[in-house]
Structure formats: structure tokens, C-alpha cells
Amino acid sequence: MKRHLMAALLCATTFASSAVLAQNIGTTPQTLDLSGGSDFFGDTFAANNGGATFADQFTFTVTGTEPLNLAAVVASNSFTGATGLGITGLSLYDTTGGTVVTSGTSQNSGALDVWTLTSANLAAGSYYLQVSGNVVSDESTSFGGAVSLVPVPEPETYGMMLGGLGILAWLARRRRGGGRI
């Protein structure tokens, strides 16, 4: 009986100590103001949080009837890869069903972590960006990012652009050939 009690106490102590080391820190959710088309976001973490994780959410709303394209970047900068924090994910979620719309891509990791994310044709609704990661050392650290929403170009815009490029190519060819315009 004592063995079972000691084993249970040891397991509980082990799980409790790992839970303390892997505490989830961060300030979430935070609201972004994209009424002007872009906004900055980020979070800071105090010293002595080494081993902690974070999953910060930055909420925003897309309004109107026209779809919008989204582009986001998030980065953290440390002296070395063994200090500061490590970003492990950047994702866009639809808050209605809590489903992932798209996930970001790691561009660099180590002393400088950089993640990017793009999403085309976002319809009106509520969304959030989630930045996930872990605090690598006991030093204070932070991450920051930017997000922008831009209108999706109309097909007519592409047509006018291609037509203009065609005229420029025709003019350049006529000039090279010695012909008059």
C-alpha cells in the first residue's frame, strides 16, 4: 500500500512540477483596429518565465461586402537562439467555428524568428491571429508584428494592367525596329 501511495505522490509531484514549468503566459485576446487597413500587435514577457508557453490571440473584424486579402508578419529578436523566445506558429482562425483558415510559414528561426501569413478573399466576419511559442530563457523578451487588409483587385484591373503592358511592349518594339509612331 505504501508503495502505491509513494508512486502516486511521485507522479503527482512530477506532473505538478512540469505543469509549473510549462505554464501558459501571455495577454490574450487583444483587439486589432484594422479600420485604417493595418495595425501592429505584439506582447512582452517579464524575466523568470523560462519554459513557459504562450498562444496570444489578436482579434479583428472584416466588414463590408467586398472580400479582402490579409498579410501578416511576426518576429522576435534575441541575442542567441538559446535566449529570448521561440515562435512556433502563426495561424488565422475564423471565430465563428474556431476553425483554422490558414497557417503561417516560418521564414527564419534561432536568434531571429520570423513568420509570415497570407490569406486571400476573406469574407465579412470575425477572425483572430494566433501567435504561439515558448519562452526559451529566464530573460525578459517580446515579439511584434503587423497585419494589413487590402481589397482584392477586380478582374477589370488586371485587364487594364495587361492592356497597358501590351501597349508599352508594342511601343518598345516599334522603337527598336526603327519605325515611327
Protein backbone atom coordinates (compact mmCIF):
# COMPACT_ATOMS: atom_id res chain seq x y z
CA MET A 1 0.00 0.00 0.00
CA LYS A 2 2.84 2.39 0.88
CA ARG A 3 4.50 1.71 -2.48
CA HIS A 4 1.34 2.64 -4.37
CA LEU A 5 0.90 5.77 -2.26
CA MET A 6 4.54 6.78 -2.81
CA ALA A 7 4.26 6.11 -6.56
CA ALA A 8 1.08 8.19 -6.79
CA LEU A 9 2.71 11.01 -4.82
CA LEU A 10 5.79 10.90 -7.06
CA CYS A 11 3.64 11.02 -10.23
CA ALA A 12 1.57 13.90 -8.89
CA THR A 13 4.71 15.83 -7.94
CA THR A 14 6.25 15.20 -11.36
CA PHE A 15 3.12 16.34 -13.22
CA ALA A 16 2.73 19.38 -10.96
CA SER A 17 6.34 20.46 -11.49
CA SER A 18 6.10 20.07 -15.28
CA ALA A 19 2.83 21.98 -15.28
CA VAL A 20 4.56 24.86 -13.48
CA LEU A 21 7.41 24.84 -16.00
CA ALA A 22 5.00 24.78 -18.93
CA GLN A 23 2.61 27.42 -17.68
CA ASN A 24 0.77 29.33 -20.37
CA ILE A 25 1.50 33.05 -20.17
CA GLY A 26 0.51 35.95 -22.37
CA THR A 27 -2.12 38.61 -22.69
CA THR A 28 -5.00 37.37 -24.77
CA PRO A 29 -7.26 38.21 -26.52
CA GLN A 30 -6.20 41.60 -27.80
CA THR A 31 -8.30 43.56 -30.30
CA LEU A 32 -6.78 44.93 -33.50
CA ASP A 33 -8.13 48.06 -35.19
CA LEU A 34 -7.97 47.40 -38.93
CA SER A 35 -10.36 50.21 -39.89
CA GLY A 36 -7.40 52.01 -41.48
CA GLY A 37 -6.27 48.85 -43.28
CA SER A 38 -3.39 47.86 -40.95
CA ASP A 39 -2.32 47.56 -37.33
CA PHE A 40 0.60 46.47 -35.15
CA PHE A 41 0.43 43.77 -32.47
CA GLY A 42 2.70 42.02 -30.00
CA ASP A 43 3.38 41.01 -26.43
CA THR A 44 6.15 41.23 -23.84
CA PHE A 45 7.12 38.68 -21.22
CA ALA A 46 8.85 39.50 -17.93
CA ALA A 47 12.01 37.82 -16.71
CA ASN A 48 11.92 34.43 -14.98
CA ASN A 49 9.39 32.82 -17.36
CA GLY A 50 11.80 30.33 -18.95
CA GLY A 51 9.96 27.19 -20.08
CA ALA A 52 6.56 28.91 -20.27
CA THR A 53 4.43 28.78 -23.42
CA PHE A 54 2.12 31.33 -24.98
CA ALA A 55 -0.70 31.36 -27.53
CA ASP A 56 -1.73 35.00 -27.92
CA GLN A 57 -4.84 35.85 -29.91
CA PHE A 58 -5.34 39.11 -31.78
CA THR A 59 -8.98 39.55 -32.84
CA PHE A 60 -10.36 41.66 -35.68
CA THR A 61 -13.47 42.01 -37.81
CA VAL A 62 -13.80 42.20 -41.59
CA THR A 63 -16.77 44.31 -42.65
CA GLY A 64 -18.35 45.19 -45.97
CA THR A 65 -19.37 43.13 -48.95
CA GLU A 66 -16.07 43.07 -50.83
CA PRO A 67 -13.55 40.32 -49.98
CA LEU A 68 -10.15 41.37 -48.61
CA ASN A 69 -6.65 39.91 -48.75
CA LEU A 70 -4.70 39.64 -45.50
CA ALA A 71 -0.93 39.71 -44.98
CA ALA A 72 0.76 39.36 -41.58
CA VAL A 73 4.32 39.10 -40.27
CA VAL A 74 5.54 38.43 -36.72
CA ALA A 75 9.12 38.40 -35.42
CA SER A 76 11.19 38.15 -32.28
CA ASN A 77 14.85 39.07 -31.92
CA SER A 78 17.25 37.67 -29.30
CA PHE A 79 20.99 37.73 -28.76
CA THR A 80 21.20 33.99 -29.47
CA GLY A 81 18.87 31.11 -30.25
CA ALA A 82 19.25 29.96 -26.63
CA THR A 83 17.77 33.19 -25.20
CA GLY A 84 14.53 35.09 -25.62
CA LEU A 85 11.64 33.19 -27.13
CA GLY A 86 10.87 30.82 -29.96
CA ILE A 87 7.83 31.40 -32.16
CA THR A 88 6.33 28.03 -33.08
CA GLY A 89 3.25 29.09 -35.04
CA LEU A 90 1.23 31.84 -36.68
CA SER A 91 -2.33 30.98 -37.71
CA LEU A 92 -5.52 32.71 -38.82
CA TYR A 93 -8.78 31.44 -37.27
CA ASP A 94 -12.44 32.09 -38.04
CA THR A 95 -14.02 32.79 -34.64
CA THR A 96 -17.45 31.57 -35.72
CA GLY A 97 -16.44 27.92 -35.74
CA GLY A 98 -12.95 28.24 -34.28
CA THR A 99 -11.56 26.72 -37.47
CA VAL A 100 -8.13 27.41 -38.93
CA VAL A 101 -8.39 29.48 -42.12
CA THR A 102 -4.67 29.25 -42.90
CA SER A 103 -1.36 28.71 -41.16
CA GLY A 104 1.76 30.80 -41.49
CA THR A 105 5.23 29.83 -42.64
CA SER A 106 8.47 30.08 -40.69
CA GLN A 107 10.95 32.22 -42.64
CA ASN A 108 13.74 32.09 -40.05
CA SER A 109 14.35 30.63 -36.59
CA GLY A 110 17.05 30.99 -33.96
CA ALA A 111 18.22 34.37 -32.70
CA LEU A 112 15.74 35.93 -35.16
CA ASP A 113 12.36 34.22 -35.54
CA VAL A 114 10.21 35.41 -38.46
CA TRP A 115 6.83 34.02 -39.54
CA THR A 116 4.59 35.23 -42.39
CA LEU A 117 0.98 34.51 -43.27
CA THR A 118 -1.25 35.43 -46.21
CA SER A 119 -4.90 34.72 -46.87
CA ALA A 120 -6.94 35.66 -49.92
CA ASN A 121 -10.60 36.57 -50.21
CA LEU A 122 -11.58 36.97 -46.55
CA ALA A 123 -15.33 37.46 -46.32
CA ALA A 124 -17.06 39.62 -43.73
CA GLY A 125 -16.81 38.08 -40.27
CA SER A 126 -14.78 37.81 -37.09
CA TYR A 127 -11.26 36.40 -37.10
CA TYR A 128 -8.18 36.16 -34.93
CA LEU A 129 -4.46 35.73 -35.49
CA GLN A 130 -2.80 33.37 -33.04
CA VAL A 131 0.92 33.59 -32.30
CA SER A 132 2.26 30.54 -30.45
CA GLY A 133 5.63 29.88 -28.92
CA ASN A 134 7.74 29.30 -25.85
CA VAL A 135 10.00 31.38 -23.68
CA VAL A 136 13.46 29.86 -24.07
CA SER A 137 15.28 31.52 -21.15
CA ASP A 138 14.63 33.49 -17.99
CA GLU A 139 15.43 36.82 -19.68
CA SER A 140 12.63 39.26 -20.46
CA THR A 141 11.58 39.03 -24.10
CA SER A 142 8.96 40.11 -26.63
CA PHE A 143 7.58 39.66 -30.12
CA GLY A 144 5.92 42.07 -32.51
CA GLY A 145 4.11 42.00 -35.78
CA ALA A 146 1.99 43.82 -38.33
CA VAL A 147 -1.13 42.88 -40.26
CA SER A 148 -2.80 44.53 -43.23
CA LEU A 149 -6.03 44.07 -45.14
CA VAL A 150 -6.26 45.17 -48.78
CA PRO A 151 -9.09 44.93 -51.29
CA VAL A 152 -8.96 42.10 -53.81
CA PRO A 153 -8.27 43.63 -57.24
CA GLU A 154 -11.20 43.40 -59.66
CA PRO A 155 -10.68 41.37 -62.86
CA GLU A 156 -11.06 44.61 -64.84
CA THR A 157 -7.98 45.97 -63.04
CA TYR A 158 -5.90 43.04 -64.26
CA GLY A 159 -7.27 43.51 -67.78
CA MET A 160 -6.36 47.20 -67.84
CA MET A 161 -2.90 46.44 -66.46
CA LEU A 162 -2.26 43.75 -69.08
CA GLY A 163 -3.58 46.03 -71.83
CA GLY A 164 -1.25 48.84 -70.69
CA LEU A 165 1.73 46.46 -70.61
CA GLY A 166 0.82 45.26 -74.11
CA ILE A 167 0.78 48.83 -75.44
CA LEU A 168 4.16 49.54 -73.79
CA ALA A 169 5.63 46.37 -75.32
CA TRP A 170 4.26 47.33 -78.76
CA LEU A 171 5.74 50.84 -78.45
CA ALA A 172 9.12 49.47 -77.38
CA ARG A 173 9.16 47.02 -80.29
CA ARG A 174 8.27 49.76 -82.79
CA ARG A 175 11.09 51.96 -81.46
CA ARG A 176 13.66 49.17 -81.66
CA GLY A 177 12.61 48.41 -85.23
CA GLY A 178 13.27 52.00 -86.29
CA GLY A 179 9.62 52.58 -87.17
CA ARG A 180 7.76 55.79 -86.45
CA ILE A 181 4.91 56.08 -84.08
